[in-house]
Amino acid sequence: MPKHRAEGETRGPIPVPPVQSRLFREHLIHHGTGKDGRLFQGVRADVVPGDTIQRVFGRARAKVLTPKELDSPLAKRPYDLRHTYVSTLLNAGVSPKQVAEWAGNSVGVLLKTYAKCLVGDAHASCHRIAEALRRELPGGNPIRRPLNCCWAVGGPFFCWQ
């Protein structure tokens, strides 16, 4: 049973990329679900044994990673893919509140765990500030528009038109 969840309690919807959704649907058409509704089932039991999962995952890693990546801790365990997904969502600009909800974490836990994974955040934040300042006032009078975001000691400043 997942941590912090009562027996029978399920998580809400989690976004799945269309290609992955298609693969899941194809799997369901060809294989159905286990007696307990699991998407993947073992040959001799409803639950796929952990060593089987790790063995198959290891083969998949070997097929898609470079030798250097394979020797690293990158995606060593299937659970590591959760971290990849969450950090990808954050780096894509999805709000931490939404990512925390999908991941089943509080925003505090999410940021404590994943803040170090955010890359290029200063540039993206600067771009969002510039876009917010490009909006026009009622009556068509444009707000002074920043040409671009420049950097100085202490943070960003804007070059104005």
N, C-alpha and C. Protein backbone atom coordinates (compact mmCIF):
# COMPACT_ATOMS: atom_id res chain seq x y z
N MET A 1 0.85 -1.19 0.00
CA MET A 1 0.00 0.00 0.00
C MET A 1 0.89 1.24 0.00
N PRO A 2 0.61 2.24 -0.85
CA PRO A 2 1.41 3.45 -0.90
C PRO A 2 1.39 4.17 0.44
N LYS A 3 2.48 4.87 0.74
CA LYS A 3 2.56 5.56 2.01
C LYS A 3 1.51 6.66 2.12
N HIS A 4 1.06 6.88 3.33
CA HIS A 4 0.11 7.95 3.65
C HIS A 4 -1.23 7.83 2.93
N ARG A 5 -1.61 6.62 2.55
CA ARG A 5 -2.88 6.44 1.88
C ARG A 5 -3.64 5.30 2.55
N ALA A 6 -4.90 5.53 2.82
CA ALA A 6 -5.72 4.50 3.45
C ALA A 6 -6.01 3.37 2.47
N GLU A 7 -6.31 2.20 3.01
CA GLU A 7 -6.66 1.04 2.20
C GLU A 7 -7.80 1.41 1.24
N GLY A 8 -7.63 1.16 -0.04
CA GLY A 8 -8.66 1.44 -1.04
C GLY A 8 -8.65 2.87 -1.55
N GLU A 9 -7.92 3.76 -0.89
CA GLU A 9 -7.85 5.16 -1.34
C GLU A 9 -6.93 5.25 -2.55
N THR A 10 -7.36 5.99 -3.55
CA THR A 10 -6.54 6.14 -4.75
C THR A 10 -6.16 7.59 -4.93
N ARG A 11 -5.17 7.80 -5.73
CA ARG A 11 -4.71 9.14 -6.06
C ARG A 11 -5.57 9.66 -7.20
N GLY A 12 -5.66 10.97 -7.33
CA GLY A 12 -6.42 11.55 -8.43
C GLY A 12 -5.70 11.36 -9.75
N PRO A 13 -6.23 11.93 -10.82
CA PRO A 13 -5.62 11.76 -12.14
C PRO A 13 -4.22 12.36 -12.19
N ILE A 14 -3.36 11.70 -12.93
CA ILE A 14 -1.98 12.16 -13.14
C ILE A 14 -1.80 12.25 -14.65
N PRO A 15 -1.25 13.36 -15.16
CA PRO A 15 -1.10 13.49 -16.61
C PRO A 15 -0.11 12.47 -17.16
N VAL A 16 -0.47 11.88 -18.27
CA VAL A 16 0.38 10.91 -18.95
C VAL A 16 0.54 11.38 -20.39
N PRO A 17 1.77 11.44 -20.88
CA PRO A 17 1.96 11.86 -22.28
C PRO A 17 1.17 10.95 -23.22
N PRO A 18 0.65 11.49 -24.32
CA PRO A 18 -0.18 10.70 -25.24
C PRO A 18 0.47 9.39 -25.70
N VAL A 19 1.76 9.41 -25.99
CA VAL A 19 2.40 8.18 -26.46
C VAL A 19 2.37 7.10 -25.36
N GLN A 20 2.57 7.49 -24.12
CA GLN A 20 2.53 6.53 -23.02
C GLN A 20 1.11 6.03 -22.79
N SER A 21 0.16 6.93 -22.90
CA SER A 21 -1.24 6.56 -22.74
C SER A 21 -1.64 5.52 -23.79
N ARG A 22 -1.18 5.72 -25.03
CA ARG A 22 -1.46 4.76 -26.10
C ARG A 22 -0.86 3.39 -25.79
N LEU A 23 0.37 3.39 -25.28
CA LEU A 23 1.02 2.12 -24.93
C LEU A 23 0.27 1.39 -23.81
N PHE A 24 -0.20 2.13 -22.82
CA PHE A 24 -0.98 1.51 -21.74
C PHE A 24 -2.27 0.91 -22.28
N ARG A 25 -2.95 1.66 -23.16
CA ARG A 25 -4.20 1.15 -23.74
C ARG A 25 -3.96 -0.12 -24.55
N GLU A 26 -2.89 -0.13 -25.35
CA GLU A 26 -2.57 -1.32 -26.14
C GLU A 26 -2.28 -2.51 -25.22
N HIS A 27 -1.57 -2.25 -24.14
CA HIS A 27 -1.27 -3.31 -23.18
C HIS A 27 -2.56 -3.88 -22.60
N LEU A 28 -3.49 -2.98 -22.24
CA LEU A 28 -4.77 -3.43 -21.68
C LEU A 28 -5.56 -4.27 -22.68
N ILE A 29 -5.55 -3.88 -23.94
CA ILE A 29 -6.27 -4.62 -24.97
C ILE A 29 -5.70 -6.04 -25.11
N HIS A 30 -4.38 -6.14 -25.11
CA HIS A 30 -3.73 -7.44 -25.33
C HIS A 30 -3.64 -8.30 -24.08
N HIS A 31 -3.51 -7.67 -22.91
CA HIS A 31 -3.23 -8.45 -21.69
C HIS A 31 -4.26 -8.28 -20.58
N GLY A 32 -5.12 -7.27 -20.69
CA GLY A 32 -6.09 -7.03 -19.61
C GLY A 32 -5.38 -6.64 -18.32
N THR A 33 -6.06 -6.81 -17.20
CA THR A 33 -5.48 -6.51 -15.90
C THR A 33 -5.49 -7.77 -15.05
N GLY A 34 -4.77 -7.70 -13.95
CA GLY A 34 -4.78 -8.80 -12.99
C GLY A 34 -6.12 -8.83 -12.27
N LYS A 35 -6.34 -9.89 -11.46
CA LYS A 35 -7.60 -10.01 -10.70
C LYS A 35 -7.86 -8.81 -9.80
N ASP A 36 -6.77 -8.22 -9.32
CA ASP A 36 -6.91 -7.07 -8.42
C ASP A 36 -6.87 -5.73 -9.16
N GLY A 37 -6.89 -5.77 -10.50
CA GLY A 37 -6.92 -4.55 -11.29
C GLY A 37 -5.56 -3.99 -11.66
N ARG A 38 -4.48 -4.67 -11.28
CA ARG A 38 -3.15 -4.17 -11.61
C ARG A 38 -2.93 -4.23 -13.12
N LEU A 39 -2.20 -3.23 -13.61
CA LEU A 39 -1.90 -3.15 -15.04
C LEU A 39 -0.94 -4.26 -15.46
N PHE A 40 0.04 -4.55 -14.63
CA PHE A 40 1.00 -5.60 -14.94
C PHE A 40 0.84 -6.71 -13.92
N GLN A 41 0.89 -7.95 -14.39
CA GLN A 41 0.73 -9.09 -13.49
C GLN A 41 1.83 -10.11 -13.76
N GLY A 42 2.15 -10.88 -12.72
CA GLY A 42 3.17 -11.89 -12.85
C GLY A 42 2.65 -13.14 -13.54
N VAL A 43 3.56 -13.99 -13.95
CA VAL A 43 3.19 -15.25 -14.60
C VAL A 43 2.59 -16.21 -13.59
N ARG A 44 3.20 -16.28 -12.40
CA ARG A 44 2.75 -17.24 -11.38
C ARG A 44 1.94 -16.61 -10.26
N ALA A 45 1.86 -15.29 -10.25
CA ALA A 45 1.13 -14.60 -9.18
C ALA A 45 0.59 -13.29 -9.73
N ASP A 46 -0.34 -12.67 -9.00
CA ASP A 46 -0.90 -11.40 -9.44
C ASP A 46 0.14 -10.28 -9.42
N VAL A 47 1.07 -10.37 -8.48
CA VAL A 47 2.08 -9.32 -8.32
C VAL A 47 3.37 -9.75 -9.03
N VAL A 48 3.94 -8.83 -9.81
CA VAL A 48 5.21 -9.10 -10.47
C VAL A 48 6.30 -9.03 -9.40
N PRO A 49 7.12 -10.08 -9.27
CA PRO A 49 8.18 -10.06 -8.26
C PRO A 49 9.17 -8.91 -8.48
N GLY A 50 9.64 -8.34 -7.38
CA GLY A 50 10.57 -7.21 -7.46
C GLY A 50 11.83 -7.51 -8.22
N ASP A 51 12.38 -8.74 -8.08
CA ASP A 51 13.61 -9.07 -8.80
C ASP A 51 13.35 -9.14 -10.31
N THR A 52 12.14 -9.50 -10.72
CA THR A 52 11.79 -9.52 -12.14
C THR A 52 11.73 -8.09 -12.68
N ILE A 53 11.11 -7.22 -11.91
CA ILE A 53 11.03 -5.80 -12.32
C ILE A 53 12.43 -5.23 -12.47
N GLN A 54 13.30 -5.48 -11.48
CA GLN A 54 14.65 -4.93 -11.51
C GLN A 54 15.45 -5.49 -12.69
N ARG A 55 15.29 -6.78 -12.98
CA ARG A 55 16.00 -7.42 -14.10
C ARG A 55 15.57 -6.80 -15.44
N VAL A 56 14.27 -6.65 -15.64
CA VAL A 56 13.76 -6.07 -16.89
C VAL A 56 14.17 -4.60 -16.99
N PHE A 57 14.10 -3.90 -15.88
CA PHE A 57 14.50 -2.48 -15.87
C PHE A 57 15.99 -2.36 -16.21
N GLY A 58 16.80 -3.27 -15.68
CA GLY A 58 18.23 -3.25 -15.99
C GLY A 58 18.50 -3.45 -17.47
N ARG A 59 17.75 -4.35 -18.09
CA ARG A 59 17.89 -4.57 -19.54
C ARG A 59 17.49 -3.32 -20.32
N ALA A 60 16.42 -2.67 -19.89
CA ALA A 60 15.97 -1.44 -20.57
C ALA A 60 17.02 -0.34 -20.43
N ARG A 61 17.61 -0.20 -19.25
CA ARG A 61 18.68 0.80 -19.04
C ARG A 61 19.83 0.53 -20.01
N ALA A 62 20.21 -0.75 -20.13
CA ALA A 62 21.34 -1.11 -20.98
C ALA A 62 21.07 -0.77 -22.45
N LYS A 63 19.82 -0.82 -22.86
CA LYS A 63 19.48 -0.53 -24.26
C LYS A 63 19.47 0.97 -24.56
N VAL A 64 19.13 1.82 -23.58
CA VAL A 64 18.92 3.23 -23.89
C VAL A 64 19.98 4.18 -23.35
N LEU A 65 20.80 3.73 -22.41
CA LEU A 65 21.81 4.62 -21.83
C LEU A 65 23.17 4.39 -22.46
N THR A 66 23.97 5.44 -22.45
CA THR A 66 25.35 5.31 -22.90
C THR A 66 26.13 4.52 -21.84
N PRO A 67 27.30 3.98 -22.19
CA PRO A 67 28.09 3.26 -21.19
C PRO A 67 28.40 4.12 -19.96
N LYS A 68 28.70 5.39 -20.17
CA LYS A 68 28.99 6.29 -19.04
C LYS A 68 27.75 6.46 -18.15
N GLU A 69 26.60 6.65 -18.79
CA GLU A 69 25.35 6.79 -18.02
C GLU A 69 25.01 5.49 -17.28
N LEU A 70 25.28 4.38 -17.94
CA LEU A 70 24.99 3.07 -17.34
C LEU A 70 25.80 2.84 -16.08
N ASP A 71 27.02 3.36 -16.04
CA ASP A 71 27.87 3.23 -14.85
C ASP A 71 27.50 4.21 -13.75
N SER A 72 26.67 5.19 -14.08
CA SER A 72 26.28 6.22 -13.10
C SER A 72 25.02 5.76 -12.35
N PRO A 73 24.63 6.53 -11.33
CA PRO A 73 23.39 6.18 -10.61
C PRO A 73 22.11 6.59 -11.35
N LEU A 74 22.24 7.12 -12.56
CA LEU A 74 21.09 7.57 -13.33
C LEU A 74 20.07 6.45 -13.52
N ALA A 75 18.85 6.68 -13.03
CA ALA A 75 17.75 5.72 -13.19
C ALA A 75 18.18 4.30 -12.80
N LYS A 76 18.83 4.17 -11.66
CA LYS A 76 19.28 2.86 -11.18
C LYS A 76 18.10 1.96 -10.83
N ARG A 77 17.04 2.57 -10.30
CA ARG A 77 15.85 1.81 -9.88
C ARG A 77 14.62 2.38 -10.59
N PRO A 78 13.59 1.59 -10.78
CA PRO A 78 12.37 2.13 -11.40
C PRO A 78 11.82 3.35 -10.65
N TYR A 79 11.95 3.36 -9.33
CA TYR A 79 11.43 4.48 -8.54
C TYR A 79 12.12 5.80 -8.92
N ASP A 80 13.35 5.72 -9.42
CA ASP A 80 14.06 6.92 -9.82
C ASP A 80 13.33 7.67 -10.93
N LEU A 81 12.51 6.96 -11.70
CA LEU A 81 11.75 7.61 -12.78
C LEU A 81 10.75 8.61 -12.22
N ARG A 82 10.27 8.39 -11.00
CA ARG A 82 9.38 9.35 -10.34
C ARG A 82 10.10 10.69 -10.20
N HIS A 83 11.36 10.63 -9.76
CA HIS A 83 12.14 11.86 -9.58
C HIS A 83 12.37 12.55 -10.93
N THR A 84 12.62 11.75 -11.95
CA THR A 84 12.81 12.32 -13.28
C THR A 84 11.55 13.03 -13.74
N TYR A 85 10.41 12.39 -13.54
CA TYR A 85 9.13 12.97 -13.96
C TYR A 85 8.84 14.28 -13.22
N VAL A 86 9.00 14.26 -11.90
CA VAL A 86 8.70 15.45 -11.10
C VAL A 86 9.65 16.59 -11.46
N SER A 87 10.95 16.32 -11.59
CA SER A 87 11.88 17.39 -11.94
C SER A 87 11.63 17.90 -13.36
N THR A 88 11.20 17.01 -14.27
CA THR A 88 10.87 17.44 -15.63
C THR A 88 9.66 18.38 -15.62
N LEU A 89 8.64 18.05 -14.85
CA LEU A 89 7.47 18.93 -14.76
C LEU A 89 7.85 20.30 -14.21
N LEU A 90 8.65 20.32 -13.15
CA LEU A 90 9.07 21.60 -12.57
C LEU A 90 9.88 22.41 -13.57
N ASN A 91 10.80 21.77 -14.27
CA ASN A 91 11.62 22.48 -15.25
C ASN A 91 10.81 22.93 -16.45
N ALA A 92 9.67 22.28 -16.70
CA ALA A 92 8.78 22.69 -17.79
C ALA A 92 7.93 23.89 -17.39
N GLY A 93 8.02 24.30 -16.12
CA GLY A 93 7.28 25.47 -15.66
C GLY A 93 5.92 25.16 -15.06
N VAL A 94 5.60 23.89 -14.84
CA VAL A 94 4.34 23.54 -14.18
C VAL A 94 4.43 24.04 -12.75
N SER A 95 3.36 24.61 -12.24
CA SER A 95 3.42 25.22 -10.91
C SER A 95 3.72 24.17 -9.85
N PRO A 96 4.57 24.53 -8.87
CA PRO A 96 4.90 23.59 -7.80
C PRO A 96 3.66 23.06 -7.07
N LYS A 97 2.63 23.88 -6.94
CA LYS A 97 1.40 23.43 -6.28
C LYS A 97 0.78 22.26 -7.06
N GLN A 98 0.72 22.39 -8.39
CA GLN A 98 0.14 21.33 -9.21
C GLN A 98 1.01 20.08 -9.21
N VAL A 99 2.32 20.27 -9.33
CA VAL A 99 3.24 19.12 -9.33
C VAL A 99 3.15 18.38 -8.00
N ALA A 100 3.09 19.14 -6.89
CA ALA A 100 2.99 18.51 -5.57
C ALA A 100 1.72 17.68 -5.47
N GLU A 101 0.61 18.20 -5.98
CA GLU A 101 -0.65 17.47 -5.95
C GLU A 101 -0.54 16.16 -6.73
N TRP A 102 0.01 16.24 -7.93
CA TRP A 102 0.15 15.04 -8.76
C TRP A 102 1.11 14.04 -8.13
N ALA A 103 2.15 14.55 -7.47
CA ALA A 103 3.16 13.66 -6.88
C ALA A 103 2.74 13.14 -5.51
N GLY A 104 1.68 13.70 -4.96
CA GLY A 104 1.23 13.27 -3.64
C GLY A 104 2.11 13.80 -2.52
N ASN A 105 2.68 14.99 -2.72
CA ASN A 105 3.52 15.64 -1.72
C ASN A 105 2.93 16.97 -1.32
N SER A 106 3.43 17.53 -0.24
CA SER A 106 3.12 18.93 0.08
C SER A 106 4.06 19.78 -0.76
N VAL A 107 3.72 21.04 -0.96
CA VAL A 107 4.59 21.94 -1.71
C VAL A 107 5.94 22.07 -0.99
N GLY A 108 5.91 22.12 0.34
CA GLY A 108 7.15 22.22 1.11
C GLY A 108 8.09 21.05 0.87
N VAL A 109 7.55 19.84 0.94
CA VAL A 109 8.36 18.64 0.71
C VAL A 109 8.87 18.63 -0.73
N LEU A 110 8.01 18.98 -1.67
CA LEU A 110 8.39 19.00 -3.08
C LEU A 110 9.57 19.94 -3.30
N LEU A 111 9.46 21.17 -2.80
CA LEU A 111 10.52 22.15 -3.04
C LEU A 111 11.80 21.78 -2.30
N LYS A 112 11.68 21.25 -1.09
CA LYS A 112 12.87 20.82 -0.35
C LYS A 112 13.61 19.73 -1.12
N THR A 113 12.87 18.83 -1.72
CA THR A 113 13.45 17.69 -2.44
C THR A 113 13.94 18.07 -3.83
N TYR A 114 13.19 18.91 -4.55
CA TYR A 114 13.46 19.12 -5.97
C TYR A 114 14.01 20.48 -6.35
N ALA A 115 14.12 21.42 -5.42
CA ALA A 115 14.62 22.75 -5.78
C ALA A 115 15.99 22.67 -6.44
N LYS A 116 16.82 21.73 -5.98
CA LYS A 116 18.17 21.58 -6.55
C LYS A 116 18.14 21.07 -8.00
N CYS A 117 17.01 20.55 -8.44
CA CYS A 117 16.90 20.00 -9.80
C CYS A 117 16.49 21.04 -10.82
N LEU A 118 16.10 22.22 -10.36
CA LEU A 118 15.65 23.25 -11.29
C LEU A 118 16.85 23.88 -11.99
N VAL A 119 16.81 23.89 -13.30
CA VAL A 119 17.89 24.47 -14.09
C VAL A 119 17.33 25.54 -15.01
N GLY A 120 18.10 26.58 -15.25
CA GLY A 120 17.67 27.64 -16.14
C GLY A 120 16.52 28.45 -15.59
N ASP A 121 16.31 28.37 -14.29
CA ASP A 121 15.16 29.03 -13.68
C ASP A 121 15.27 30.55 -13.74
N ALA A 122 16.47 31.08 -13.59
CA ALA A 122 16.65 32.53 -13.61
C ALA A 122 16.23 33.10 -14.96
N HIS A 123 16.67 32.46 -16.03
CA HIS A 123 16.32 32.94 -17.37
C HIS A 123 14.81 32.84 -17.61
N ALA A 124 14.21 31.71 -17.23
CA ALA A 124 12.77 31.52 -17.42
C ALA A 124 11.98 32.53 -16.59
N SER A 125 12.42 32.77 -15.36
CA SER A 125 11.73 33.74 -14.50
C SER A 125 11.83 35.14 -15.08
N CYS A 126 13.00 35.47 -15.57
CA CYS A 126 13.20 36.78 -16.19
C CYS A 126 12.27 36.95 -17.39
N HIS A 127 12.14 35.91 -18.19
CA HIS A 127 11.26 35.95 -19.36
C HIS A 127 9.80 36.16 -18.92
N ARG A 128 9.37 35.45 -17.85
CA ARG A 128 7.99 35.60 -17.37
C ARG A 128 7.74 37.03 -16.86
N ILE A 129 8.74 37.62 -16.19
CA ILE A 129 8.60 39.00 -15.71
C ILE A 129 8.45 39.93 -16.91
N ALA A 130 9.31 39.75 -17.91
CA ALA A 130 9.24 40.61 -19.10
C ALA A 130 7.89 40.48 -19.79
N GLU A 131 7.36 39.27 -19.90
CA GLU A 131 6.06 39.07 -20.54
C GLU A 131 4.95 39.72 -19.72
N ALA A 132 5.02 39.62 -18.40
CA ALA A 132 4.00 40.25 -17.56
C ALA A 132 4.03 41.77 -17.73
N LEU A 133 5.20 42.33 -17.94
CA LEU A 133 5.32 43.78 -18.10
C LEU A 133 4.93 44.24 -19.50
N ARG A 134 4.76 43.33 -20.44
CA ARG A 134 4.36 43.68 -21.80
C ARG A 134 2.85 43.90 -21.94
N ARG A 135 2.08 43.50 -20.93
CA ARG A 135 0.62 43.65 -21.02
C ARG A 135 0.24 45.13 -21.17
N GLU A 136 -0.88 45.37 -21.77
CA GLU A 136 -1.32 46.76 -21.97
C GLU A 136 -2.35 47.15 -20.94
N LEU A 137 -2.38 48.44 -20.65
CA LEU A 137 -3.38 49.00 -19.73
C LEU A 137 -4.70 49.19 -20.46
N PRO A 138 -5.82 49.26 -19.71
CA PRO A 138 -7.10 49.56 -20.36
C PRO A 138 -6.99 50.86 -21.15
N GLY A 139 -7.64 50.92 -22.28
CA GLY A 139 -7.60 52.10 -23.12
C GLY A 139 -6.48 52.06 -24.15
N GLY A 140 -5.74 50.99 -24.17
CA GLY A 140 -4.72 50.82 -25.20
C GLY A 140 -3.39 51.49 -24.91
N ASN A 141 -3.21 52.08 -23.73
CA ASN A 141 -1.93 52.69 -23.42
C ASN A 141 -0.94 51.60 -22.98
N PRO A 142 0.08 51.36 -23.77
CA PRO A 142 1.00 50.29 -23.41
C PRO A 142 1.85 50.66 -22.20
N ILE A 143 2.10 49.69 -21.37
CA ILE A 143 3.06 49.87 -20.29
C ILE A 143 4.42 49.94 -20.94
N ARG A 144 5.33 50.71 -20.36
CA ARG A 144 6.69 50.72 -20.90
C ARG A 144 7.18 49.29 -21.01
N ARG A 145 7.70 48.94 -22.13
CA ARG A 145 8.05 47.53 -22.37
C ARG A 145 9.55 47.31 -22.22
N PRO A 146 9.92 46.27 -21.49
CA PRO A 146 11.34 45.96 -21.40
C PRO A 146 11.83 45.37 -22.72
N LEU A 147 12.98 45.81 -23.18
CA LEU A 147 13.56 45.23 -24.38
C LEU A 147 14.10 43.84 -24.09
N ASN A 148 14.80 43.72 -23.00
CA ASN A 148 15.29 42.41 -22.62
C ASN A 148 15.72 42.43 -21.16
N CYS A 149 16.01 41.29 -20.66
CA CYS A 149 16.40 41.14 -19.28
C CYS A 149 17.92 41.12 -19.22
N CYS A 150 18.49 41.99 -18.42
CA CYS A 150 19.93 42.05 -18.26
C CYS A 150 20.26 41.61 -16.84
N TRP A 151 21.53 41.36 -16.57
CA TRP A 151 21.90 40.90 -15.23
C TRP A 151 22.91 41.84 -14.60
N ALA A 152 22.74 42.02 -13.32
CA ALA A 152 23.68 42.81 -12.53
C ALA A 152 23.89 42.06 -11.23
N VAL A 153 24.86 42.49 -10.45
CA VAL A 153 25.08 41.86 -9.16
C VAL A 153 23.80 42.01 -8.35
N GLY A 154 23.30 40.92 -7.80
CA GLY A 154 22.08 40.98 -7.00
C GLY A 154 20.84 40.56 -7.75
N GLY A 155 20.90 40.39 -9.07
CA GLY A 155 19.72 39.90 -9.75
C GLY A 155 19.46 40.61 -11.05
N PRO A 156 18.27 40.35 -11.63
CA PRO A 156 17.96 40.89 -12.95
C PRO A 156 17.54 42.34 -12.90
N PHE A 157 17.79 43.06 -13.96
CA PHE A 157 17.18 44.36 -14.16
C PHE A 157 16.79 44.42 -15.62
N PHE A 158 15.93 45.35 -15.98
CA PHE A 158 15.39 45.39 -17.33
C PHE A 158 15.86 46.64 -18.06
N CYS A 159 16.15 46.48 -19.35
CA CYS A 159 16.48 47.59 -20.22
C CYS A 159 15.16 48.02 -20.86
N TRP A 160 14.79 49.28 -20.69
CA TRP A 160 13.47 49.73 -21.13
C TRP A 160 13.52 50.39 -22.49
N GLN A 161 12.37 50.37 -23.19
CA GLN A 161 12.22 51.05 -24.48
C GLN A 161 12.16 52.55 -24.24
